[in-house]
């Protein structure tokens, strides 16, 4: 039996995050410069067949969970076809999607029918004018309607991620938390990560998770609970008495969770990144297009996977923007 994938610290790697595009229809203040980036040429982006081959080879080494991300993945044409290809890979147990939700109502049912299990939706405000200000795009987007469409399509558990920014949207923490009282949704509050060229969001905008939890007291008393029954990740979960859903905090700045990291990332142009903010990238695209096995390169990359990210030291692995690695 082929040994499962482990890094140099003995962590079992069974989760791959796949960026299918570097493009996005938003320009969120913490994620991408307002003018965008130098987009990857089409020839450099992995085809769906190539992505599915990466998943197939890694599934033979113990890969079990896949998340499709971007940029904004729903901008990639016929994304459901990739979902179906991954669904057909033996050993894959969970396929999820990270999306800004703008196109979710239009594609949710087809994605579900093709084999998608669940979604994580980013939503940093419930107010149209503020959504436009944060995303720097005037696109019609109703987070509640988008999440409802995903729920109706069977893409649960529904997770909604809010990046909390002091003085920008932190006055909506309670409003987001109230969504969990009557709906079986899981709202996660993420500490802002100042990265690269996102100079208009700084350390001054970071709201620590302990403060977020304290501010939820205006909604009601919280009790610690286990998270949603599917997926795995770094969130700590809580619930209000009688609530159908949960609230969670994800704490890359104040309480790092790297010791339990089980994931690696594949960029849209076929680079394997073993840490979100690490310096190491391994070119899998060249190996794929030469018809070579990926296993030796992947195992060698995992040896260099760091014990923890260095975001607190402002070492962000050469990233200009979070959108380059799909979060």
C-alpha atoms as a PDB file:
ATOM      1  CA  UNK A   1       0.000   0.000   0.000  1.00  0.00           C
ATOM      2  CA  UNK A   2       1.354   3.446  -0.934  1.00  0.00           C
ATOM      3  CA  UNK A   3       2.180   5.533   2.164  1.00  0.00           C
ATOM      4  CA  UNK A   4      -0.165   8.450   2.767  1.00  0.00           C
ATOM      5  CA  UNK A   5       1.045  12.014   2.395  1.00  0.00           C
ATOM      6  CA  UNK A   6       2.702  13.474   5.478  1.00  0.00           C
ATOM      7  CA  UNK A   7       4.807  16.580   5.847  1.00  0.00           C
ATOM      8  CA  UNK A   8       8.053  16.928   7.780  1.00  0.00           C
ATOM      9  CA  UNK A   9       6.133  17.419  11.017  1.00  0.00           C
ATOM     10  CA  UNK A  10       4.012  14.302  10.646  1.00  0.00           C
ATOM     11  CA  UNK A  11       0.844  16.142   9.662  1.00  0.00           C
ATOM     12  CA  UNK A  12      -1.430  14.047   7.435  1.00  0.00           C
ATOM     13  CA  UNK A  13      -2.169  15.980   4.236  1.00  0.00           C
ATOM     14  CA  UNK A  14      -5.554  14.966   2.825  1.00  0.00           C
ATOM     15  CA  UNK A  15      -7.028  18.301   1.676  1.00  0.00           C
ATOM     16  CA  UNK A  16      -6.326  20.216  -1.555  1.00  0.00           C
ATOM     17  CA  UNK A  17      -7.531  23.725  -2.338  1.00  0.00           C
ATOM     18  CA  UNK A  18      -7.654  24.315  -6.093  1.00  0.00           C
ATOM     19  CA  UNK A  19      -7.680  27.781  -7.630  1.00  0.00           C
ATOM     20  CA  UNK A  20      -9.283  27.495 -11.072  1.00  0.00           C
ATOM     21  CA  UNK A  21      -8.824  31.146 -12.061  1.00  0.00           C
ATOM     22  CA  UNK A  22      -6.996  34.238 -10.853  1.00  0.00           C
ATOM     23  CA  UNK A  23      -9.805  36.504 -12.062  1.00  0.00           C
ATOM     24  CA  UNK A  24     -12.670  37.897 -10.024  1.00  0.00           C
ATOM     25  CA  UNK A  25     -15.712  40.096 -10.577  1.00  0.00           C
ATOM     26  CA  UNK A  26     -15.010  41.830  -7.244  1.00  0.00           C
ATOM     27  CA  UNK A  27     -12.019  43.882  -6.158  1.00  0.00           C
ATOM     28  CA  UNK A  28     -12.398  43.460  -2.414  1.00  0.00           C
ATOM     29  CA  UNK A  29     -10.232  45.840  -0.455  1.00  0.00           C
ATOM     30  CA  UNK A  30      -8.372  43.117   1.441  1.00  0.00           C
ATOM     31  CA  UNK A  31      -8.034  40.688  -1.458  1.00  0.00           C
ATOM     32  CA  UNK A  32      -7.123  42.350  -4.773  1.00  0.00           C
ATOM     33  CA  UNK A  33      -5.875  45.752  -5.976  1.00  0.00           C
ATOM     34  CA  UNK A  34      -8.607  47.996  -7.373  1.00  0.00           C
ATOM     35  CA  UNK A  35      -6.974  47.878 -10.812  1.00  0.00           C
ATOM     36  CA  UNK A  36      -6.773  44.092 -10.735  1.00  0.00           C
ATOM     37  CA  UNK A  37      -3.628  42.088 -11.458  1.00  0.00           C
ATOM     38  CA  UNK A  38      -1.699  40.932 -14.506  1.00  0.00           C
ATOM     39  CA  UNK A  39      -3.996  38.056 -15.463  1.00  0.00           C
ATOM     40  CA  UNK A  40      -2.516  34.689 -16.324  1.00  0.00           C
ATOM     41  CA  UNK A  41      -2.550  33.818 -20.035  1.00  0.00           C
ATOM     42  CA  UNK A  42      -4.994  31.052 -20.872  1.00  0.00           C
ATOM     43  CA  UNK A  43      -2.201  28.704 -21.968  1.00  0.00           C
ATOM     44  CA  UNK A  44      -0.672  28.842 -18.488  1.00  0.00           C
ATOM     45  CA  UNK A  45      -3.888  27.911 -16.661  1.00  0.00           C
ATOM     46  CA  UNK A  46      -4.535  24.256 -15.971  1.00  0.00           C
ATOM     47  CA  UNK A  47      -7.323  22.680 -17.992  1.00  0.00           C
ATOM     48  CA  UNK A  48     -10.094  20.831 -16.201  1.00  0.00           C
ATOM     49  CA  UNK A  49      -8.584  17.572 -17.399  1.00  0.00           C
ATOM     50  CA  UNK A  50      -5.217  18.525 -15.909  1.00  0.00           C
ATOM     51  CA  UNK A  51      -6.793  19.516 -12.607  1.00  0.00           C
ATOM     52  CA  UNK A  52      -8.684  16.236 -12.467  1.00  0.00           C
ATOM     53  CA  UNK A  53      -5.437  14.368 -13.128  1.00  0.00           C
ATOM     54  CA  UNK A  54      -3.757  16.126 -10.180  1.00  0.00           C
ATOM     55  CA  UNK A  55      -6.678  15.091  -7.986  1.00  0.00           C
ATOM     56  CA  UNK A  56      -6.559  11.523  -9.314  1.00  0.00           C
ATOM     57  CA  UNK A  57      -2.862  11.122  -8.598  1.00  0.00           C
ATOM     58  CA  UNK A  58      -3.102  12.658  -5.130  1.00  0.00           C
ATOM     59  CA  UNK A  59      -6.203  10.628  -4.273  1.00  0.00           C
ATOM     60  CA  UNK A  60      -4.039   7.534  -4.678  1.00  0.00           C
ATOM     61  CA  UNK A  61      -1.833   9.022  -1.945  1.00  0.00           C
ATOM     62  CA  UNK A  62      -4.652   9.740   0.495  1.00  0.00           C
ATOM     63  CA  UNK A  63      -6.243  12.964  -0.735  1.00  0.00           C
ATOM     64  CA  UNK A  64      -9.882  12.966   0.404  1.00  0.00           C
ATOM     65  CA  UNK A  65     -11.142  16.556   0.389  1.00  0.00           C
ATOM     66  CA  UNK A  66     -11.111  19.152  -2.380  1.00  0.00           C
ATOM     67  CA  UNK A  67     -12.110  22.804  -2.321  1.00  0.00           C
ATOM     68  CA  UNK A  68     -12.530  24.741  -5.570  1.00  0.00           C
ATOM     69  CA  UNK A  69     -11.641  28.422  -5.318  1.00  0.00           C
ATOM     70  CA  UNK A  70     -10.248  31.324  -7.322  1.00  0.00           C
ATOM     71  CA  UNK A  71     -10.254  34.310  -7.807  1.00  0.00           C
ATOM     72  CA  UNK A  72     -13.947  33.747  -8.279  1.00  0.00           C
ATOM     73  CA  UNK A  73     -14.378  30.153  -9.497  1.00  0.00           C
ATOM     74  CA  UNK A  74     -17.872  30.601 -10.930  1.00  0.00           C
ATOM     75  CA  UNK A  75     -16.359  32.865 -13.618  1.00  0.00           C
ATOM     76  CA  UNK A  76     -14.657  29.825 -15.137  1.00  0.00           C
ATOM     77  CA  UNK A  77     -16.985  28.529 -17.874  1.00  0.00           C
ATOM     78  CA  UNK A  78     -18.831  25.263 -17.247  1.00  0.00           C
ATOM     79  CA  UNK A  79     -17.385  24.801 -13.784  1.00  0.00           C
ATOM     80  CA  UNK A  80     -19.853  21.987 -13.212  1.00  0.00           C
ATOM     81  CA  UNK A  81     -17.845  19.850 -15.632  1.00  0.00           C
ATOM     82  CA  UNK A  82     -14.800  20.030 -13.362  1.00  0.00           C
ATOM     83  CA  UNK A  83     -16.973  19.176 -10.375  1.00  0.00           C
ATOM     84  CA  UNK A  84     -18.206  16.084 -12.198  1.00  0.00           C
ATOM     85  CA  UNK A  85     -14.657  15.029 -13.094  1.00  0.00           C
ATOM     86  CA  UNK A  86     -13.518  15.319  -9.490  1.00  0.00           C
ATOM     87  CA  UNK A  87     -16.635  13.502  -8.286  1.00  0.00           C
ATOM     88  CA  UNK A  88     -15.635  10.568 -10.465  1.00  0.00           C
ATOM     89  CA  UNK A  89     -12.217  10.260  -8.805  1.00  0.00           C
ATOM     90  CA  UNK A  90     -12.125   7.268  -6.514  1.00  0.00           C
ATOM     91  CA  UNK A  91     -11.359   8.209  -2.927  1.00  0.00           C
ATOM     92  CA  UNK A  92     -12.610  11.803  -2.964  1.00  0.00           C
ATOM     93  CA  UNK A  93     -15.128  12.155  -0.162  1.00  0.00           C
ATOM     94  CA  UNK A  94     -15.919  15.867  -0.088  1.00  0.00           C
ATOM     95  CA  UNK A  95     -16.023  18.604  -2.741  1.00  0.00           C
ATOM     96  CA  UNK A  96     -16.693  22.171  -1.681  1.00  0.00           C
ATOM     97  CA  UNK A  97     -16.653  25.570  -3.338  1.00  0.00           C
ATOM     98  CA  UNK A  98     -15.537  28.997  -2.113  1.00  0.00           C
ATOM     99  CA  UNK A  99     -17.436  31.777  -3.874  1.00  0.00           C
ATOM    100  CA  UNK A 100     -18.356  35.416  -3.500  1.00  0.00           C
ATOM    101  CA  UNK A 101     -21.942  34.370  -4.196  1.00  0.00           C
ATOM    102  CA  UNK A 102     -22.722  36.754  -7.044  1.00  0.00           C
ATOM    103  CA  UNK A 103     -23.515  33.930  -9.501  1.00  0.00           C
ATOM    104  CA  UNK A 104     -24.526  31.349  -6.922  1.00  0.00           C
ATOM    105  CA  UNK A 105     -28.269  31.453  -7.526  1.00  0.00           C
ATOM    106  CA  UNK A 106     -27.698  30.824 -11.252  1.00  0.00           C
ATOM    107  CA  UNK A 107     -25.349  27.855 -10.866  1.00  0.00           C
ATOM    108  CA  UNK A 108     -26.148  26.226  -7.508  1.00  0.00           C
ATOM    109  CA  UNK A 109     -28.456  23.474  -8.751  1.00  0.00           C
ATOM    110  CA  UNK A 110     -26.242  22.471 -11.668  1.00  0.00           C
ATOM    111  CA  UNK A 111     -23.200  22.323  -9.389  1.00  0.00           C
ATOM    112  CA  UNK A 112     -25.115  20.152  -6.943  1.00  0.00           C
ATOM    113  CA  UNK A 113     -26.317  17.831  -9.686  1.00  0.00           C
ATOM    114  CA  UNK A 114     -22.708  17.507 -10.891  1.00  0.00           C
ATOM    115  CA  UNK A 115     -21.492  16.388  -7.485  1.00  0.00           C
ATOM    116  CA  UNK A 116     -20.684  19.467  -5.407  1.00  0.00           C
ATOM    117  CA  UNK A 117     -21.320  18.861  -1.713  1.00  0.00           C
ATOM    118  CA  UNK A 118     -21.318  22.300  -0.127  1.00  0.00           C
ATOM    119  CA  UNK A 119     -20.312  25.947  -0.379  1.00  0.00           C
ATOM    120  CA  UNK A 120     -18.506  28.601   1.580  1.00  0.00           C
ATOM    121  CA  UNK A 121     -19.733  32.053   0.627  1.00  0.00           C
ATOM    122  CA  UNK A 122     -17.863  35.270   1.333  1.00  0.00           C
ATOM    123  CA  UNK A 123     -20.057  38.160   2.434  1.00  0.00           C
ATOM    124  CA  UNK A 124     -18.583  41.172   4.171  1.00  0.00           C
ATOM    125  CA  UNK A 125     -21.758  43.222   4.480  1.00  0.00           C
ATOM    126  CA  UNK A 126     -25.523  42.853   4.282  1.00  0.00           C
ATOM    127  CA  UNK A 127     -25.969  46.428   3.036  1.00  0.00           C
ATOM    128  CA  UNK A 128     -25.936  47.051  -0.746  1.00  0.00           C
ATOM    129  CA  UNK A 129     -24.064  50.352  -0.556  1.00  0.00           C
ATOM    130  CA  UNK A 130     -21.400  48.865   1.697  1.00  0.00           C
ATOM    131  CA  UNK A 131     -21.064  45.732  -0.452  1.00  0.00           C
ATOM    132  CA  UNK A 132     -20.310  48.056  -3.369  1.00  0.00           C
ATOM    133  CA  UNK A 133     -17.780  50.023  -1.297  1.00  0.00           C
ATOM    134  CA  UNK A 134     -15.901  46.954  -0.040  1.00  0.00           C
ATOM    135  CA  UNK A 135     -15.984  45.055  -3.348  1.00  0.00           C
ATOM    136  CA  UNK A 136     -15.381  48.202  -5.427  1.00  0.00           C
ATOM    137  CA  UNK A 137     -17.874  46.867  -7.949  1.00  0.00           C
ATOM    138  CA  UNK A 138     -21.543  47.684  -8.425  1.00  0.00           C
ATOM    139  CA  UNK A 139     -22.905  44.198  -8.976  1.00  0.00           C
ATOM    140  CA  UNK A 140     -26.299  43.031  -7.728  1.00  0.00           C
ATOM    141  CA  UNK A 141     -25.630  40.817  -4.724  1.00  0.00           C
ATOM    142  CA  UNK A 142     -27.941  39.850  -1.880  1.00  0.00           C
ATOM    143  CA  UNK A 143     -26.029  37.541   0.478  1.00  0.00           C
ATOM    144  CA  UNK A 144     -29.165  36.163   2.138  1.00  0.00           C
ATOM    145  CA  UNK A 145     -30.820  35.368  -1.201  1.00  0.00           C
ATOM    146  CA  UNK A 146     -27.620  33.722  -2.487  1.00  0.00           C
ATOM    147  CA  UNK A 147     -27.228  31.573   0.619  1.00  0.00           C
ATOM    148  CA  UNK A 148     -30.904  30.622   0.451  1.00  0.00           C
ATOM    149  CA  UNK A 149     -30.497  29.521  -3.175  1.00  0.00           C
ATOM    150  CA  UNK A 150     -27.549  27.340  -2.199  1.00  0.00           C
ATOM    151  CA  UNK A 151     -29.503  25.840   0.688  1.00  0.00           C
ATOM    152  CA  UNK A 152     -32.497  25.150  -1.566  1.00  0.00           C
ATOM    153  CA  UNK A 153     -30.163  23.372  -3.998  1.00  0.00           C
ATOM    154  CA  UNK A 154     -28.945  21.086  -1.213  1.00  0.00           C
ATOM    155  CA  UNK A 155     -25.466  22.580  -0.860  1.00  0.00           C
ATOM    156  CA  UNK A 156     -25.318  22.392   2.918  1.00  0.00           C
ATOM    157  CA  UNK A 157     -24.070  23.035   5.458  1.00  0.00           C
ATOM    158  CA  UNK A 158     -24.063  26.684   4.363  1.00  0.00           C
ATOM    159  CA  UNK A 159     -21.025  28.585   5.621  1.00  0.00           C
ATOM    160  CA  UNK A 160     -20.828  32.364   5.329  1.00  0.00           C
ATOM    161  CA  UNK A 161     -17.434  33.993   5.821  1.00  0.00           C
ATOM    162  CA  UNK A 162     -17.184  37.622   6.913  1.00  0.00           C
ATOM    163  CA  UNK A 163     -13.779  39.313   7.017  1.00  0.00           C
ATOM    164  CA  UNK A 164     -14.109  41.736   9.912  1.00  0.00           C
ATOM    165  CA  UNK A 165     -12.537  45.171   9.398  1.00  0.00           C
ATOM    166  CA  UNK A 166     -12.560  47.799  12.123  1.00  0.00           C
ATOM    167  CA  UNK A 167     -14.328  50.964  11.085  1.00  0.00           C
ATOM    168  CA  UNK A 168     -15.415  49.402   7.800  1.00  0.00           C
ATOM    169  CA  UNK A 169     -17.903  46.617   8.592  1.00  0.00           C
ATOM    170  CA  UNK A 170     -17.412  45.611  12.227  1.00  0.00           C
ATOM    171  CA  UNK A 171     -20.707  47.285  13.141  1.00  0.00           C
ATOM    172  CA  UNK A 172     -22.457  44.424  11.279  1.00  0.00           C
ATOM    173  CA  UNK A 173     -21.073  41.603  13.419  1.00  0.00           C
ATOM    174  CA  UNK A 174     -24.342  41.251  15.336  1.00  0.00           C
ATOM    175  CA  UNK A 175     -26.428  41.415  12.151  1.00  0.00           C
ATOM    176  CA  UNK A 176     -24.507  38.506  10.638  1.00  0.00           C
ATOM    177  CA  UNK A 177     -24.705  36.543  13.879  1.00  0.00           C
ATOM    178  CA  UNK A 178     -28.497  36.906  13.965  1.00  0.00           C
ATOM    179  CA  UNK A 179     -28.692  35.022  10.656  1.00  0.00           C
ATOM    180  CA  UNK A 180     -27.849  31.857  12.596  1.00  0.00           C
ATOM    181  CA  UNK A 181     -30.778  32.106  14.987  1.00  0.00           C
ATOM    182  CA  UNK A 182     -33.547  31.149  12.535  1.00  0.00           C
ATOM    183  CA  UNK A 183     -31.457  29.537   9.779  1.00  0.00           C
ATOM    184  CA  UNK A 184     -29.211  26.455   9.900  1.00  0.00           C
ATOM    185  CA  UNK A 185     -26.288  28.517   8.640  1.00  0.00           C
ATOM    186  CA  UNK A 186     -22.768  28.813   9.971  1.00  0.00           C
ATOM    187  CA  UNK A 187     -21.398  32.356  10.019  1.00  0.00           C
ATOM    188  CA  UNK A 188     -17.656  32.573  10.512  1.00  0.00           C
ATOM    189  CA  UNK A 189     -15.900  35.809  11.403  1.00  0.00           C
ATOM    190  CA  UNK A 190     -12.376  35.936   9.971  1.00  0.00           C
ATOM    191  CA  UNK A 191      -9.609  38.135  11.290  1.00  0.00           C
ATOM    192  CA  UNK A 192      -8.324  40.459   8.587  1.00  0.00           C
ATOM    193  CA  UNK A 193      -4.970  39.426   7.084  1.00  0.00           C
ATOM    194  CA  UNK A 194      -3.066  42.470   5.754  1.00  0.00           C
ATOM    195  CA  UNK A 195      -1.246  41.116   2.682  1.00  0.00           C
ATOM    196  CA  UNK A 196       0.956  42.508  -0.072  1.00  0.00           C
ATOM    197  CA  UNK A 197      -0.420  45.531  -1.874  1.00  0.00           C
ATOM    198  CA  UNK A 198      -3.635  45.852   0.135  1.00  0.00           C
ATOM    199  CA  UNK A 199      -2.327  48.988   1.816  1.00  0.00           C
ATOM    200  CA  UNK A 200      -5.722  50.542   2.535  1.00  0.00           C
ATOM    201  CA  UNK A 201      -6.435  47.766   5.036  1.00  0.00           C
ATOM    202  CA  UNK A 202      -3.779  47.607   7.749  1.00  0.00           C
ATOM    203  CA  UNK A 203      -3.126  46.218  11.190  1.00  0.00           C
ATOM    204  CA  UNK A 204      -5.283  49.063  12.536  1.00  0.00           C
ATOM    205  CA  UNK A 205      -8.290  47.395  10.885  1.00  0.00           C
ATOM    206  CA  UNK A 206      -7.759  43.986  12.515  1.00  0.00           C
ATOM    207  CA  UNK A 207     -10.461  43.047  15.051  1.00  0.00           C
ATOM    208  CA  UNK A 208      -9.182  40.223  17.302  1.00  0.00           C
ATOM    209  CA  UNK A 209     -11.422  37.191  17.633  1.00  0.00           C
ATOM    210  CA  UNK A 210     -11.746  37.605  21.395  1.00  0.00           C
ATOM    211  CA  UNK A 211     -13.234  41.047  20.808  1.00  0.00           C
ATOM    212  CA  UNK A 212     -15.591  39.654  18.168  1.00  0.00           C
ATOM    213  CA  UNK A 213     -16.885  37.020  20.598  1.00  0.00           C
ATOM    214  CA  UNK A 214     -17.345  39.615  23.322  1.00  0.00           C
ATOM    215  CA  UNK A 215     -19.340  41.844  20.975  1.00  0.00           C
ATOM    216  CA  UNK A 216     -21.702  38.984  20.151  1.00  0.00           C
ATOM    217  CA  UNK A 217     -23.079  39.263  23.676  1.00  0.00           C
ATOM    218  CA  UNK A 218     -25.558  41.848  22.413  1.00  0.00           C
ATOM    219  CA  UNK A 219     -27.251  39.076  20.440  1.00  0.00           C
ATOM    220  CA  UNK A 220     -27.371  36.553  23.272  1.00  0.00           C
ATOM    221  CA  UNK A 221     -25.408  34.162  25.416  1.00  0.00           C
ATOM    222  CA  UNK A 222     -22.977  31.939  23.528  1.00  0.00           C
ATOM    223  CA  UNK A 223     -21.981  28.373  24.268  1.00  0.00           C
ATOM    224  CA  UNK A 224     -19.104  26.509  22.657  1.00  0.00           C
ATOM    225  CA  UNK A 225     -20.280  23.784  20.266  1.00  0.00           C
ATOM    226  CA  UNK A 226     -18.819  21.414  17.724  1.00  0.00           C
ATOM    227  CA  UNK A 227     -18.750  22.681  14.167  1.00  0.00           C
ATOM    228  CA  UNK A 228     -20.822  21.626  11.161  1.00  0.00           C
ATOM    229  CA  UNK A 229     -20.864  17.920  10.562  1.00  0.00           C
ATOM    230  CA  UNK A 230     -18.923  18.177   7.295  1.00  0.00           C
ATOM    231  CA  UNK A 231     -15.643  19.722   6.338  1.00  0.00           C
ATOM    232  CA  UNK A 232     -12.633  20.508   8.414  1.00  0.00           C
ATOM    233  CA  UNK A 233     -10.948  23.721   9.231  1.00  0.00           C
ATOM    234  CA  UNK A 234      -9.603  26.113  11.811  1.00  0.00           C
ATOM    235  CA  UNK A 235     -12.831  27.707  13.060  1.00  0.00           C
ATOM    236  CA  UNK A 236     -13.930  27.625  16.694  1.00  0.00           C
ATOM    237  CA  UNK A 237     -17.726  27.418  16.892  1.00  0.00           C
ATOM    238  CA  UNK A 238     -20.369  28.773  19.251  1.00  0.00           C
ATOM    239  CA  UNK A 239     -24.147  28.926  19.271  1.00  0.00           C
ATOM    240  CA  UNK A 240     -26.867  31.042  20.808  1.00  0.00           C
ATOM    241  CA  UNK A 241     -29.449  29.244  22.906  1.00  0.00           C
ATOM    242  CA  UNK A 242     -32.062  27.696  20.628  1.00  0.00           C
ATOM    243  CA  UNK A 243     -30.295  28.810  17.439  1.00  0.00           C
ATOM    244  CA  UNK A 244     -30.442  26.609  14.359  1.00  0.00           C
ATOM    245  CA  UNK A 245     -26.953  27.557  13.198  1.00  0.00           C
ATOM    246  CA  UNK A 246     -23.607  28.530  14.672  1.00  0.00           C
ATOM    247  CA  UNK A 247     -21.140  31.388  14.724  1.00  0.00           C
ATOM    248  CA  UNK A 248     -17.439  30.765  14.420  1.00  0.00           C
ATOM    249  CA  UNK A 249     -14.151  32.629  14.500  1.00  0.00           C
ATOM    250  CA  UNK A 250     -11.124  31.993  12.303  1.00  0.00           C
ATOM    251  CA  UNK A 251      -7.999  33.440  13.834  1.00  0.00           C
ATOM    252  CA  UNK A 252      -4.939  33.620  11.562  1.00  0.00           C
ATOM    253  CA  UNK A 253      -3.610  36.664  13.407  1.00  0.00           C
ATOM    254  CA  UNK A 254      -4.189  36.063  17.128  1.00  0.00           C
ATOM    255  CA  UNK A 255      -4.415  32.283  17.601  1.00  0.00           C
ATOM    256  CA  UNK A 256      -2.632  30.487  14.770  1.00  0.00           C
ATOM    257  CA  UNK A 257      -3.796  26.944  14.056  1.00  0.00           C
ATOM    258  CA  UNK A 258      -0.927  25.785  11.865  1.00  0.00           C
ATOM    259  CA  UNK A 259      -0.079  22.811  14.061  1.00  0.00           C
ATOM    260  CA  UNK A 260      -3.147  20.987  12.725  1.00  0.00           C
ATOM    261  CA  UNK A 261      -2.808  22.078   9.082  1.00  0.00           C
ATOM    262  CA  UNK A 262      -3.792  19.275   6.716  1.00  0.00           C
ATOM    263  CA  UNK A 263      -3.903  21.173   3.427  1.00  0.00           C
ATOM    264  CA  UNK A 264      -1.952  22.247   0.389  1.00  0.00           C
ATOM    265  CA  UNK A 265      -2.947  24.548  -2.456  1.00  0.00           C
ATOM    266  CA  UNK A 266      -2.840  24.335  -6.242  1.00  0.00           C
ATOM    267  CA  UNK A 267      -2.666  27.659  -8.054  1.00  0.00           C
ATOM    268  CA  UNK A 268      -4.472  28.276 -11.309  1.00  0.00           C
ATOM    269  CA  UNK A 269      -1.202  27.923 -13.228  1.00  0.00           C
ATOM    270  CA  UNK A 270      -0.318  24.606 -11.636  1.00  0.00           C
ATOM    271  CA  UNK A 271       1.967  25.517  -8.743  1.00  0.00           C
ATOM    272  CA  UNK A 272       1.702  23.536  -5.522  1.00  0.00           C
ATOM    273  CA  UNK A 273       1.920  25.760  -2.448  1.00  0.00           C
ATOM    274  CA  UNK A 274       2.376  23.944   0.836  1.00  0.00           C
ATOM    275  CA  UNK A 275       1.534  27.029   2.937  1.00  0.00           C
ATOM    276  CA  UNK A 276      -0.809  29.899   2.210  1.00  0.00           C
ATOM    277  CA  UNK A 277       1.932  32.402   3.020  1.00  0.00           C
ATOM    278  CA  UNK A 278       4.949  30.190   2.405  1.00  0.00           C
ATOM    279  CA  UNK A 279       7.746  30.875  -0.048  1.00  0.00           C
ATOM    280  CA  UNK A 280       7.769  27.392  -1.560  1.00  0.00           C
ATOM    281  CA  UNK A 281       6.070  26.623  -4.872  1.00  0.00           C
ATOM    282  CA  UNK A 282       6.454  23.413  -6.856  1.00  0.00           C
ATOM    283  CA  UNK A 283       5.694  23.386 -10.580  1.00  0.00           C
ATOM    284  CA  UNK A 284       3.276  20.533 -11.244  1.00  0.00           C
ATOM    285  CA  UNK A 285       2.091  21.834 -14.615  1.00  0.00           C
ATOM    286  CA  UNK A 286       5.351  20.997 -16.375  1.00  0.00           C
ATOM    287  CA  UNK A 287       5.286  17.475 -14.943  1.00  0.00           C
ATOM    288  CA  UNK A 288       1.660  17.009 -15.950  1.00  0.00           C
ATOM    289  CA  UNK A 289       2.230  18.136 -19.514  1.00  0.00           C
ATOM    290  CA  UNK A 290       5.239  15.827 -19.764  1.00  0.00           C
ATOM    291  CA  UNK A 291       3.136  12.877 -18.612  1.00  0.00           C
ATOM    292  CA  UNK A 292       5.227  12.359 -15.479  1.00  0.00           C
ATOM    293  CA  UNK A 293       4.209  11.148 -12.035  1.00  0.00           C
ATOM    294  CA  UNK A 294       3.569  13.922  -9.531  1.00  0.00           C
ATOM    295  CA  UNK A 295       4.293  11.848  -6.435  1.00  0.00           C
ATOM    296  CA  UNK A 296       8.061  12.496  -6.123  1.00  0.00           C
ATOM    297  CA  UNK A 297       7.638  16.271  -6.485  1.00  0.00           C
ATOM    298  CA  UNK A 298       4.696  16.394  -4.074  1.00  0.00           C
ATOM    299  CA  UNK A 299       6.509  14.389  -1.431  1.00  0.00           C
ATOM    300  CA  UNK A 300       9.619  16.552  -1.804  1.00  0.00           C
ATOM    301  CA  UNK A 301       7.481  19.699  -1.447  1.00  0.00           C
ATOM    302  CA  UNK A 302       5.878  18.416   1.744  1.00  0.00           C
ATOM    303  CA  UNK A 303       9.300  17.994   3.350  1.00  0.00           C
ATOM    304  CA  UNK A 304       9.665  21.795   3.103  1.00  0.00           C
ATOM    305  CA  UNK A 305       6.159  22.632   4.369  1.00  0.00           C
ATOM    306  CA  UNK A 306       6.805  25.052   7.265  1.00  0.00           C
ATOM    307  CA  UNK A 307       5.648  24.470  10.806  1.00  0.00           C
ATOM    308  CA  UNK A 308       3.658  27.718  10.691  1.00  0.00           C
ATOM    309  CA  UNK A 309       2.983  30.688   8.450  1.00  0.00           C
ATOM    310  CA  UNK A 310       4.942  33.898   8.925  1.00  0.00           C
ATOM    311  CA  UNK A 311       2.160  36.403   8.325  1.00  0.00           C
ATOM    312  CA  UNK A 312       2.785  38.017  11.701  1.00  0.00           C
ATOM    313  CA  UNK A 313       6.317  38.772  10.478  1.00  0.00           C
ATOM    314  CA  UNK A 314       4.770  40.131   7.248  1.00  0.00           C
ATOM    315  CA  UNK A 315       6.408  37.367   5.220  1.00  0.00           C
ATOM    316  CA  UNK A 316       3.679  36.563   2.722  1.00  0.00           C
ATOM    317  CA  UNK A 317       5.516  34.350   0.273  1.00  0.00           C
ATOM    318  CA  UNK A 318       5.798  36.956  -2.458  1.00  0.00           C
ATOM    319  CA  UNK A 319       2.034  37.445  -2.744  1.00  0.00           C
ATOM    320  CA  UNK A 320       0.690  40.709  -4.090  1.00  0.00           C
ATOM    321  CA  UNK A 321      -2.853  39.765  -3.141  1.00  0.00           C
ATOM    322  CA  UNK A 322      -4.834  36.989  -1.459  1.00  0.00           C
ATOM    323  CA  UNK A 323      -6.686  36.355  -4.694  1.00  0.00           C
ATOM    324  CA  UNK A 324      -3.536  34.777  -6.134  1.00  0.00           C
ATOM    325  CA  UNK A 325      -3.864  31.668  -3.962  1.00  0.00           C
ATOM    326  CA  UNK A 326      -7.592  31.341  -3.398  1.00  0.00           C
ATOM    327  CA  UNK A 327      -7.529  31.897   0.362  1.00  0.00           C
END
